[in-house]
Amino acid sequence: MLPGSGGLHILVNNAGIAIGGSLLEMSLEDWRRQQAINLDGVFLGMKRSIPLMRDSGGGSIINILSVGGLKGSANLDGMAATGVPMGGAGQPQDIANGVLFPASDDSSYMTGCELVNHGGIMA
């Protein structure tokens, strides 16, 4: 992945929403909106990027999800920054640092792995 080499080498899917509240109170419209952003967006990003990456000689796809994808919560309670053992919400640079390694050639032998970058919520 040399700078200036052209083509597509890195895709970061980083869009997601969480509609709080009870499943019994959620409308079908809200459910479909949430699924379209959280799942369809990732699918379409990968579908369109893979042929371009293949033509470019390879690359990395990084799908970012919230801790909600790893830890269930009835109403998204306990997912707030007050529940982070390391003291508050992560900063944009914290997330960027977590993306740099899987996007680099240093991770060329890795595939299908999870890098948990959440300030200790799951600890």
C-alpha atoms as a PDB file:
ATOM      1  CA  MET A   1       0.000   0.000   0.000  1.00  0.00           C
ATOM      2  CA  LEU A   2       2.454   2.601  -1.150  1.00  0.00           C
ATOM      3  CA  PRO A   3       1.375   6.254  -1.106  1.00  0.00           C
ATOM      4  CA  GLY A   4       0.677   7.469  -4.582  1.00  0.00           C
ATOM      5  CA  SER A   5       0.326   3.947  -5.978  1.00  0.00           C
ATOM      6  CA  GLY A   6      -3.256   4.616  -7.012  1.00  0.00           C
ATOM      7  CA  GLY A   7      -6.252   2.377  -6.715  1.00  0.00           C
ATOM      8  CA  LEU A   8      -8.219   1.476  -3.632  1.00  0.00           C
ATOM      9  CA  HIS A   9      -6.338  -0.215  -0.799  1.00  0.00           C
ATOM     10  CA  ILE A  10      -8.277   0.625   2.373  1.00  0.00           C
ATOM     11  CA  LEU A  11     -11.987   0.679   3.216  1.00  0.00           C
ATOM     12  CA  VAL A  12     -13.160   1.775   6.646  1.00  0.00           C
ATOM     13  CA  ASN A  13     -16.861   1.209   7.256  1.00  0.00           C
ATOM     14  CA  ASN A  14     -17.597   3.495  10.195  1.00  0.00           C
ATOM     15  CA  ALA A  15     -21.265   4.349  10.132  1.00  0.00           C
ATOM     16  CA  GLY A  16     -23.741   3.064  12.637  1.00  0.00           C
ATOM     17  CA  ILE A  17     -26.688   4.106  14.723  1.00  0.00           C
ATOM     18  CA  ALA A  18     -28.375   2.717  17.793  1.00  0.00           C
ATOM     19  CA  ILE A  19     -31.994   3.502  18.415  1.00  0.00           C
ATOM     20  CA  GLY A  20     -32.488   3.159  22.145  1.00  0.00           C
ATOM     21  CA  GLY A  21     -35.568   1.895  23.858  1.00  0.00           C
ATOM     22  CA  SER A  22     -37.481  -1.311  24.104  1.00  0.00           C
ATOM     23  CA  LEU A  23     -37.908  -3.610  21.129  1.00  0.00           C
ATOM     24  CA  LEU A  24     -41.621  -3.550  21.927  1.00  0.00           C
ATOM     25  CA  GLU A  25     -41.664   0.223  21.435  1.00  0.00           C
ATOM     26  CA  MET A  26     -39.488   0.362  18.303  1.00  0.00           C
ATOM     27  CA  SER A  27     -41.324   1.011  15.067  1.00  0.00           C
ATOM     28  CA  LEU A  28     -40.701  -1.103  11.982  1.00  0.00           C
ATOM     29  CA  GLU A  29     -39.546   2.072  10.232  1.00  0.00           C
ATOM     30  CA  ASP A  30     -36.871   2.674  12.913  1.00  0.00           C
ATOM     31  CA  TRP A  31     -35.802  -0.982  12.764  1.00  0.00           C
ATOM     32  CA  ARG A  32     -35.396  -0.832   8.979  1.00  0.00           C
ATOM     33  CA  ARG A  33     -33.476   2.475   9.162  1.00  0.00           C
ATOM     34  CA  GLN A  34     -31.100   1.041  11.759  1.00  0.00           C
ATOM     35  CA  GLN A  35     -30.518  -2.134   9.738  1.00  0.00           C
ATOM     36  CA  ALA A  36     -29.997  -0.180   6.509  1.00  0.00           C
ATOM     37  CA  ILE A  37     -27.267   1.936   8.077  1.00  0.00           C
ATOM     38  CA  ASN A  38     -25.631  -0.736  10.234  1.00  0.00           C
ATOM     39  CA  LEU A  39     -25.786  -3.721   7.878  1.00  0.00           C
ATOM     40  CA  ASP A  40     -26.707  -2.678   4.342  1.00  0.00           C
ATOM     41  CA  GLY A  41     -24.127   0.126   4.358  1.00  0.00           C
ATOM     42  CA  VAL A  42     -21.329  -2.275   5.331  1.00  0.00           C
ATOM     43  CA  PHE A  43     -22.470  -4.830   2.750  1.00  0.00           C
ATOM     44  CA  LEU A  44     -22.609  -2.254  -0.044  1.00  0.00           C
ATOM     45  CA  GLY A  45     -19.258  -0.729   0.902  1.00  0.00           C
ATOM     46  CA  MET A  46     -17.567  -4.115   0.740  1.00  0.00           C
ATOM     47  CA  LYS A  47     -19.432  -5.199  -2.403  1.00  0.00           C
ATOM     48  CA  ARG A  48     -18.275  -2.122  -4.315  1.00  0.00           C
ATOM     49  CA  SER A  49     -14.749  -2.022  -2.845  1.00  0.00           C
ATOM     50  CA  ILE A  50     -13.614  -5.616  -3.252  1.00  0.00           C
ATOM     51  CA  PRO A  51     -13.371  -5.506  -7.078  1.00  0.00           C
ATOM     52  CA  LEU A  52     -11.452  -2.214  -6.900  1.00  0.00           C
ATOM     53  CA  MET A  53      -9.084  -3.608  -4.266  1.00  0.00           C
ATOM     54  CA  ARG A  54      -8.580  -6.762  -6.299  1.00  0.00           C
ATOM     55  CA  ASP A  55      -7.651  -4.605  -9.328  1.00  0.00           C
ATOM     56  CA  SER A  56      -5.272  -2.599  -7.096  1.00  0.00           C
ATOM     57  CA  GLY A  57      -3.435  -5.668  -5.836  1.00  0.00           C
ATOM     58  CA  GLY A  58      -5.202  -6.086  -2.492  1.00  0.00           C
ATOM     59  CA  GLY A  59      -5.978  -4.094   0.584  1.00  0.00           C
ATOM     60  CA  SER A  60      -7.713  -3.995   3.939  1.00  0.00           C
ATOM     61  CA  ILE A  61     -11.361  -3.743   4.908  1.00  0.00           C
ATOM     62  CA  ILE A  62     -11.977  -2.458   8.421  1.00  0.00           C
ATOM     63  CA  ASN A  63     -15.522  -2.625   9.755  1.00  0.00           C
ATOM     64  CA  ILE A  64     -16.001  -0.606  12.924  1.00  0.00           C
ATOM     65  CA  LEU A  65     -18.819  -1.449  15.305  1.00  0.00           C
ATOM     66  CA  SER A  66     -19.783  -0.269  18.727  1.00  0.00           C
ATOM     67  CA  VAL A  67     -19.424  -2.234  21.915  1.00  0.00           C
ATOM     68  CA  GLY A  68     -23.140  -2.924  21.447  1.00  0.00           C
ATOM     69  CA  GLY A  69     -22.086  -5.532  18.898  1.00  0.00           C
ATOM     70  CA  LEU A  70     -20.164  -7.396  21.600  1.00  0.00           C
ATOM     71  CA  LYS A  71     -22.236  -6.799  24.719  1.00  0.00           C
ATOM     72  CA  GLY A  72     -26.009  -7.000  24.796  1.00  0.00           C
ATOM     73  CA  SER A  73     -28.155  -4.422  26.524  1.00  0.00           C
ATOM     74  CA  ALA A  74     -31.927  -4.339  26.812  1.00  0.00           C
ATOM     75  CA  ASN A  75     -32.206  -0.587  26.227  1.00  0.00           C
ATOM     76  CA  LEU A  76     -28.614   0.427  25.465  1.00  0.00           C
ATOM     77  CA  ASP A  77     -28.128   1.285  29.136  1.00  0.00           C
ATOM     78  CA  GLY A  78     -24.578   0.915  30.388  1.00  0.00           C
ATOM     79  CA  MET A  79     -23.233   1.870  26.968  1.00  0.00           C
ATOM     80  CA  ALA A  80     -22.708   5.530  27.890  1.00  0.00           C
ATOM     81  CA  ALA A  81     -19.272   7.098  28.412  1.00  0.00           C
ATOM     82  CA  THR A  82     -19.974   7.020  32.261  1.00  0.00           C
ATOM     83  CA  GLY A  83     -19.616   3.186  32.001  1.00  0.00           C
ATOM     84  CA  VAL A  84     -16.006   3.324  30.621  1.00  0.00           C
ATOM     85  CA  PRO A  85     -13.424   2.143  33.183  1.00  0.00           C
ATOM     86  CA  MET A  86     -10.649   4.188  31.575  1.00  0.00           C
ATOM     87  CA  GLY A  87     -12.647   7.352  32.269  1.00  0.00           C
ATOM     88  CA  GLY A  88     -14.859   8.692  29.534  1.00  0.00           C
ATOM     89  CA  ALA A  89     -15.435   8.371  25.845  1.00  0.00           C
ATOM     90  CA  GLY A  90     -12.567   7.705  23.495  1.00  0.00           C
ATOM     91  CA  GLN A  91     -11.271  10.497  21.322  1.00  0.00           C
ATOM     92  CA  PRO A  92     -11.145  10.390  17.507  1.00  0.00           C
ATOM     93  CA  GLN A  93      -7.384   9.777  17.670  1.00  0.00           C
ATOM     94  CA  ASP A  94      -7.978   6.689  19.845  1.00  0.00           C
ATOM     95  CA  ILE A  95     -10.127   5.176  17.123  1.00  0.00           C
ATOM     96  CA  ALA A  96      -7.762   6.280  14.342  1.00  0.00           C
ATOM     97  CA  ASN A  97      -4.875   4.576  16.135  1.00  0.00           C
ATOM     98  CA  GLY A  98      -6.906   1.360  16.234  1.00  0.00           C
ATOM     99  CA  VAL A  99      -7.433   1.557  12.469  1.00  0.00           C
ATOM    100  CA  LEU A 100      -3.812   2.230  11.530  1.00  0.00           C
ATOM    101  CA  PHE A 101      -2.461  -1.251  12.263  1.00  0.00           C
ATOM    102  CA  PRO A 102      -5.083  -3.297  10.365  1.00  0.00           C
ATOM    103  CA  ALA A 103      -4.792  -0.819   7.479  1.00  0.00           C
ATOM    104  CA  SER A 104      -1.019  -1.220   7.295  1.00  0.00           C
ATOM    105  CA  ASP A 105       1.163  -3.809   5.598  1.00  0.00           C
ATOM    106  CA  ASP A 106       2.247  -4.915   9.101  1.00  0.00           C
ATOM    107  CA  SER A 107      -1.063  -6.787   9.387  1.00  0.00           C
ATOM    108  CA  SER A 108      -0.835  -8.479   5.975  1.00  0.00           C
ATOM    109  CA  TYR A 109      -1.183 -11.995   7.447  1.00  0.00           C
ATOM    110  CA  MET A 110      -4.213 -11.123   9.580  1.00  0.00           C
ATOM    111  CA  THR A 111      -7.759 -11.695   8.450  1.00  0.00           C
ATOM    112  CA  GLY A 112     -11.150 -11.878  10.120  1.00  0.00           C
ATOM    113  CA  CYS A 113      -9.933 -10.672  13.502  1.00  0.00           C
ATOM    114  CA  GLU A 114     -11.440  -8.438  16.149  1.00  0.00           C
ATOM    115  CA  LEU A 115      -9.538  -5.543  17.663  1.00  0.00           C
ATOM    116  CA  VAL A 116     -11.460  -4.410  20.725  1.00  0.00           C
ATOM    117  CA  ASN A 117     -10.843  -0.698  21.303  1.00  0.00           C
ATOM    118  CA  HIS A 118     -13.325   0.402  23.973  1.00  0.00           C
ATOM    119  CA  GLY A 119     -11.581   1.770  27.032  1.00  0.00           C
ATOM    120  CA  GLY A 120     -12.220  -1.320  29.137  1.00  0.00           C
ATOM    121  CA  ILE A 121     -16.022  -1.637  28.944  1.00  0.00           C
ATOM    122  CA  MET A 122     -15.739  -5.396  28.433  1.00  0.00           C
ATOM    123  CA  ALA A 123     -13.002  -5.844  31.078  1.00  0.00           C
END
